């Protein structure tokens, strides 16, 4: 089934999907995941600082969180960035892409929460 442009000619098939570029998709996911990660990190760290007080532990958590996510994000992006043009459009990579996407978002969402919780637990032990 083809859609017709205003001039009466056929311009593209309706329902046909463009080939997905896994490189761009993962790069976009990394960028958005870092934004979400940063927002969560700031929120939970500021909250922890208010709860724990003047302890250095929330700041240590902040450093660990930053040090932990950057190499992981670089790994995800490099893994997909180095694909050839042919590989970048290969639908057979959809499963691997989805797995990496889930892992990336899992890290971005849960790493700040888990590590800050651990640091709050340690701070409670020494309080």
Protein backbone atom coordinates (compact mmCIF):
# COMPACT_ATOMS: atom_id res chain seq x y z
CA UNK A 1 0.00 0.00 0.00
CA UNK A 2 1.49 3.33 -1.01
CA UNK A 3 0.67 6.80 0.14
CA UNK A 4 0.42 9.47 -2.50
CA UNK A 5 1.91 12.94 -2.18
CA UNK A 6 0.00 16.05 -3.24
CA UNK A 7 1.42 15.88 -6.74
CA UNK A 8 -0.07 12.44 -7.30
CA UNK A 9 3.22 10.48 -7.20
CA UNK A 10 4.13 7.66 -4.88
CA UNK A 11 6.62 8.70 -2.27
CA UNK A 12 6.90 5.77 0.17
CA UNK A 13 5.19 2.67 1.46
CA UNK A 14 2.85 3.04 4.41
CA UNK A 15 3.61 0.62 7.21
CA UNK A 16 7.19 -0.04 6.11
CA UNK A 17 9.67 0.78 8.82
CA UNK A 18 12.93 2.50 8.13
CA UNK A 19 15.98 0.49 9.11
CA UNK A 20 16.87 1.33 12.67
CA UNK A 21 20.37 2.57 13.36
CA UNK A 22 21.38 0.76 16.55
CA UNK A 23 24.34 3.14 17.01
CA UNK A 24 22.17 6.26 17.17
CA UNK A 25 19.55 4.50 19.25
CA UNK A 26 22.04 3.45 21.91
CA UNK A 27 23.71 6.86 21.88
CA UNK A 28 20.30 8.47 22.51
CA UNK A 29 19.54 5.97 25.27
CA UNK A 30 22.86 6.68 26.96
CA UNK A 31 22.23 10.43 26.83
CA UNK A 32 18.72 10.14 28.28
CA UNK A 33 19.79 7.55 30.87
CA UNK A 34 22.54 9.89 32.05
CA UNK A 35 20.00 12.69 32.47
CA UNK A 36 17.70 10.45 34.51
CA UNK A 37 20.66 9.08 36.46
CA UNK A 38 21.91 12.57 37.26
CA UNK A 39 18.48 13.74 38.40
CA UNK A 40 18.05 10.69 40.64
CA UNK A 41 21.57 11.00 41.93
CA UNK A 42 21.05 14.62 42.92
CA UNK A 43 17.67 13.89 44.49
CA UNK A 44 18.75 10.90 46.56
CA UNK A 45 22.11 12.41 47.55
CA UNK A 46 20.56 15.70 48.69
CA UNK A 47 17.95 13.71 50.59
CA UNK A 48 20.69 11.58 52.19
CA UNK A 49 22.69 14.68 53.15
CA UNK A 50 19.62 16.09 54.92
CA UNK A 51 19.08 12.81 56.78
CA UNK A 52 22.67 12.02 57.69
CA UNK A 53 23.78 15.56 58.42
CA UNK A 54 27.31 16.73 57.95
CA UNK A 55 28.75 13.26 57.35
CA UNK A 56 31.12 12.81 54.45
CA UNK A 57 29.41 9.55 53.42
CA UNK A 58 26.78 11.12 51.10
CA UNK A 59 29.57 12.93 49.28
CA UNK A 60 31.51 9.69 49.02
CA UNK A 61 28.36 8.08 47.59
CA UNK A 62 28.19 10.86 45.02
CA UNK A 63 31.79 10.25 43.93
CA UNK A 64 31.25 6.48 43.72
CA UNK A 65 28.07 6.97 41.71
CA UNK A 66 29.78 9.24 39.20
CA UNK A 67 32.80 6.96 38.96
CA UNK A 68 30.55 3.94 38.48
CA UNK A 69 28.23 5.12 35.75
CA UNK A 70 30.64 6.80 33.36
CA UNK A 71 32.65 3.67 32.44
CA UNK A 72 29.44 1.65 32.13
CA UNK A 73 27.87 4.19 29.78
CA UNK A 74 31.05 4.43 27.74
CA UNK A 75 31.06 0.64 27.40
CA UNK A 76 27.45 0.54 26.18
CA UNK A 77 28.02 3.36 23.71
CA UNK A 78 31.33 1.98 22.41
CA UNK A 79 29.83 -1.48 21.92
CA UNK A 80 27.23 -0.04 19.54
CA UNK A 81 29.22 2.89 18.12
CA UNK A 82 31.80 0.59 16.55
CA UNK A 83 29.26 -1.24 14.36
CA UNK A 84 29.63 -0.99 10.60
CA UNK A 85 26.82 0.67 8.62
CA UNK A 86 25.52 -2.77 7.64
CA UNK A 87 25.57 -4.07 11.22
CA UNK A 88 23.95 -0.86 12.50
CA UNK A 89 20.84 -1.62 10.46
CA UNK A 90 20.76 -5.40 11.06
CA UNK A 91 17.41 -6.40 12.59
CA UNK A 92 19.06 -9.52 14.02
CA UNK A 93 20.69 -7.27 16.65
CA UNK A 94 17.32 -6.23 18.10
CA UNK A 95 17.54 -8.71 20.99
CA UNK A 96 21.06 -7.68 21.98
CA UNK A 97 20.08 -4.03 21.68
CA UNK A 98 17.05 -4.53 23.91
CA UNK A 99 19.14 -6.41 26.50
CA UNK A 100 21.73 -3.62 26.61
CA UNK A 101 18.97 -1.03 26.76
CA UNK A 102 17.40 -2.76 29.78
CA UNK A 103 20.79 -3.08 31.52
CA UNK A 104 21.61 0.58 30.87
CA UNK A 105 18.29 1.82 32.22
CA UNK A 106 18.51 -0.56 35.16
CA UNK A 107 21.88 0.94 36.07
CA UNK A 108 20.65 4.50 35.56
CA UNK A 109 17.61 4.04 37.75
CA UNK A 110 18.69 1.59 40.45
CA UNK A 111 22.39 2.35 40.98
CA UNK A 112 21.80 5.75 42.65
CA UNK A 113 19.08 4.29 44.85
CA UNK A 114 20.98 1.17 45.90
CA UNK A 115 24.34 2.83 46.54
CA UNK A 116 22.84 5.76 48.42
CA UNK A 117 20.85 3.28 50.51
CA UNK A 118 24.05 1.38 51.30
CA UNK A 119 25.87 4.55 52.28
CA UNK A 120 22.93 5.60 54.46
CA UNK A 121 23.06 2.20 56.13
CA UNK A 122 26.78 2.55 56.79
CA UNK A 123 26.22 6.07 58.16
CA UNK A 124 23.51 4.73 60.49
CA UNK A 125 25.93 2.12 61.83
CA UNK A 126 28.49 4.77 62.73
CA UNK A 127 26.01 7.32 64.06
